[in-house]
Amino acid sequence: MLKILNEILICFLTDIVSVAIQSSLTKNCWTPMTASNPCEPGDGTLFSLQSYCQGEGVMMTFRDDGSLVHSCSGKCVFKNAKDQLALRDGPCDTFTRRENPSGTIVLTHTASGLCVNLDAVKKLILSSCGSSPYLFELTQSGN
């Protein structure tokens, strides 16, 4: 009985741990592209990599089912019609994480099989994983 309770607690805790997702190269963080409060993004708000890596607005939650949720707004990450990563109230898309020996990760959109990458203006998009996919790191503090 105690083992089952511990497993439930571990599952619950892993579902609520917030992390900042940052570029392993530049250390810039995933941030909703809003002109106002990053904890109140509208549906369809896109993500970009920005040097600002402080506060609740950059924190994300990886759920056990593979979905990715913007922690302070509770909005789900999804792939829009232009293969850009955006936020909405739901449903959530799912992602897989592949960790490299260096501790960096590659994020893949489960439904499309495409990897999270950057476009020319640092918006997060999905594209072919190719031979050298974009690498990210997770940090508890966003630093």
Protein backbone atom coordinates (compact mmCIF):
# COMPACT_ATOMS: atom_id res chain seq x y z
CA MET A 1 0.00 0.00 0.00
CA LEU A 2 2.79 2.42 0.89
CA LYS A 3 4.54 1.70 -2.42
CA ILE A 4 1.37 2.58 -4.36
CA LEU A 5 0.96 5.83 -2.41
CA ASN A 6 4.60 6.75 -3.09
CA GLU A 7 4.13 6.10 -6.83
CA ILE A 8 1.01 8.27 -6.88
CA LEU A 9 2.85 11.04 -5.02
CA ILE A 10 5.83 10.84 -7.40
CA CYS A 11 3.51 11.02 -10.43
CA PHE A 12 1.69 13.98 -8.90
CA LEU A 13 4.92 15.81 -8.11
CA THR A 14 6.47 15.24 -11.52
CA ASP A 15 3.34 16.68 -13.10
CA ILE A 16 3.63 19.98 -11.22
CA VAL A 17 7.36 20.74 -11.40
CA SER A 18 7.87 23.91 -13.41
CA VAL A 19 11.02 24.47 -15.44
CA ALA A 20 12.34 27.09 -17.81
CA ILE A 21 13.25 25.75 -21.25
CA GLN A 22 16.29 27.50 -22.65
CA SER A 23 18.54 27.25 -25.65
CA SER A 24 21.67 25.28 -24.81
CA LEU A 25 23.60 27.66 -27.07
CA THR A 26 22.34 31.14 -26.13
CA LYS A 27 20.63 30.39 -22.76
CA ASN A 28 17.59 32.37 -24.03
CA CYS A 29 14.26 31.06 -22.70
CA TRP A 30 10.92 30.10 -24.19
CA THR A 31 8.70 33.11 -23.57
CA PRO A 32 5.16 33.94 -24.76
CA MET A 33 5.22 36.87 -27.18
CA THR A 34 2.93 39.29 -25.35
CA ALA A 35 3.02 43.05 -24.94
CA SER A 36 1.50 42.79 -21.47
CA ASN A 37 1.49 40.26 -18.62
CA PRO A 38 3.16 37.00 -19.76
CA CYS A 39 0.92 35.09 -17.32
CA GLU A 40 -2.20 36.23 -19.20
CA PRO A 41 -1.48 35.37 -22.86
CA GLY A 42 -4.38 35.17 -25.27
CA ASP A 43 -5.18 32.03 -27.22
CA GLY A 44 -2.84 31.79 -30.21
CA THR A 45 0.03 33.64 -28.50
CA LEU A 46 3.29 32.45 -30.07
CA PHE A 47 6.52 31.52 -28.31
CA SER A 48 9.95 32.95 -29.01
CA LEU A 49 13.38 32.64 -27.45
CA GLN A 50 14.11 35.75 -25.43
CA SER A 51 17.01 36.73 -23.22
CA TYR A 52 14.61 37.50 -20.38
CA CYS A 53 14.61 34.31 -18.28
CA GLN A 54 13.18 35.45 -14.96
CA GLY A 55 9.78 35.09 -13.33
CA GLU A 56 6.70 32.96 -13.71
CA GLY A 57 6.17 33.88 -17.37
CA VAL A 58 9.01 31.63 -18.57
CA MET A 59 8.10 28.57 -16.50
CA MET A 60 6.66 25.47 -18.20
CA THR A 61 5.29 22.17 -16.89
CA PHE A 62 5.95 18.85 -18.63
CA ARG A 63 3.02 16.61 -17.78
CA ASP A 64 3.34 12.85 -17.54
CA ASP A 65 1.21 12.44 -20.68
CA GLY A 66 3.78 14.40 -22.73
CA SER A 67 1.81 17.62 -22.85
CA LEU A 68 3.49 20.93 -22.16
CA VAL A 69 1.69 23.64 -20.19
CA HIS A 70 2.63 27.27 -19.58
CA SER A 71 2.75 27.20 -15.77
CA CYS A 72 1.31 30.54 -14.71
CA SER A 73 -1.46 30.78 -17.34
CA GLY A 74 -2.34 27.09 -17.44
CA LYS A 75 -2.56 27.25 -21.25
CA CYS A 76 -1.49 24.32 -23.40
CA VAL A 77 1.29 24.37 -26.00
CA PHE A 78 0.09 23.35 -29.46
CA LYS A 79 1.20 23.42 -33.10
CA ASN A 80 -0.74 26.00 -35.09
CA ALA A 81 -1.47 25.82 -38.84
CA LYS A 82 1.94 27.41 -39.63
CA ASP A 83 3.86 24.82 -37.53
CA GLN A 84 4.57 27.46 -34.88
CA LEU A 85 4.31 26.73 -31.16
CA ALA A 86 1.49 28.68 -29.54
CA LEU A 87 -0.74 28.68 -26.46
CA ARG A 88 -4.43 27.89 -26.05
CA ASP A 89 -6.86 26.81 -23.36
CA GLY A 90 -6.84 23.26 -24.71
CA PRO A 91 -6.46 20.61 -25.89
CA CYS A 92 -2.73 20.13 -25.41
CA ASP A 93 -0.39 18.65 -28.01
CA THR A 94 2.16 16.14 -26.76
CA PHE A 95 5.93 16.19 -27.03
CA THR A 96 8.70 13.69 -26.42
CA ARG A 97 12.04 14.56 -24.86
CA ARG A 98 15.22 12.84 -25.93
CA GLU A 99 18.07 13.51 -23.56
CA ASN A 100 21.62 13.57 -24.87
CA PRO A 101 24.66 12.47 -22.82
CA SER A 102 25.53 16.16 -22.38
CA GLY A 103 22.22 16.75 -20.55
CA THR A 104 20.71 18.72 -23.41
CA ILE A 105 17.36 17.64 -24.86
CA VAL A 106 15.70 17.44 -28.24
CA LEU A 107 11.95 18.09 -28.19
CA THR A 108 9.77 16.34 -30.76
CA HIS A 109 6.11 17.04 -31.48
CA THR A 110 4.52 13.60 -31.11
CA ALA A 111 1.76 13.87 -33.75
CA SER A 112 3.92 15.31 -36.54
CA GLY A 113 7.32 13.81 -35.66
CA LEU A 114 8.86 17.27 -36.19
CA CYS A 115 11.43 18.80 -33.84
CA VAL A 116 11.16 22.13 -32.02
CA ASN A 117 13.41 24.61 -33.80
CA LEU A 118 13.73 28.37 -34.41
CA ASP A 119 12.80 30.48 -37.40
CA ALA A 120 14.78 33.54 -38.55
CA VAL A 121 13.19 35.83 -35.93
CA LYS A 122 13.60 33.36 -33.00
CA LYS A 123 9.99 32.14 -32.97
CA LEU A 124 9.62 28.49 -31.96
CA ILE A 125 8.57 26.37 -34.91
CA LEU A 126 8.43 22.70 -35.83
CA SER A 127 10.68 21.47 -38.62
CA SER A 128 12.56 18.39 -39.72
CA CYS A 129 14.84 16.97 -37.05
CA GLY A 130 17.68 16.55 -39.58
CA SER A 131 21.18 15.59 -38.56
CA SER A 132 21.62 18.34 -35.93
CA PRO A 133 18.34 19.18 -34.16
CA TYR A 134 18.08 22.25 -31.93
CA LEU A 135 19.18 21.55 -28.36
CA PHE A 136 17.50 22.82 -25.21
CA GLU A 137 18.19 22.66 -21.48
CA LEU A 138 15.80 22.61 -18.55
CA THR A 139 16.43 24.73 -15.49
CA GLN A 140 14.46 25.22 -12.30
CA SER A 141 15.31 28.89 -12.02
CA GLY A 142 15.35 30.20 -15.57
CA ASN A 143 18.93 31.40 -15.11
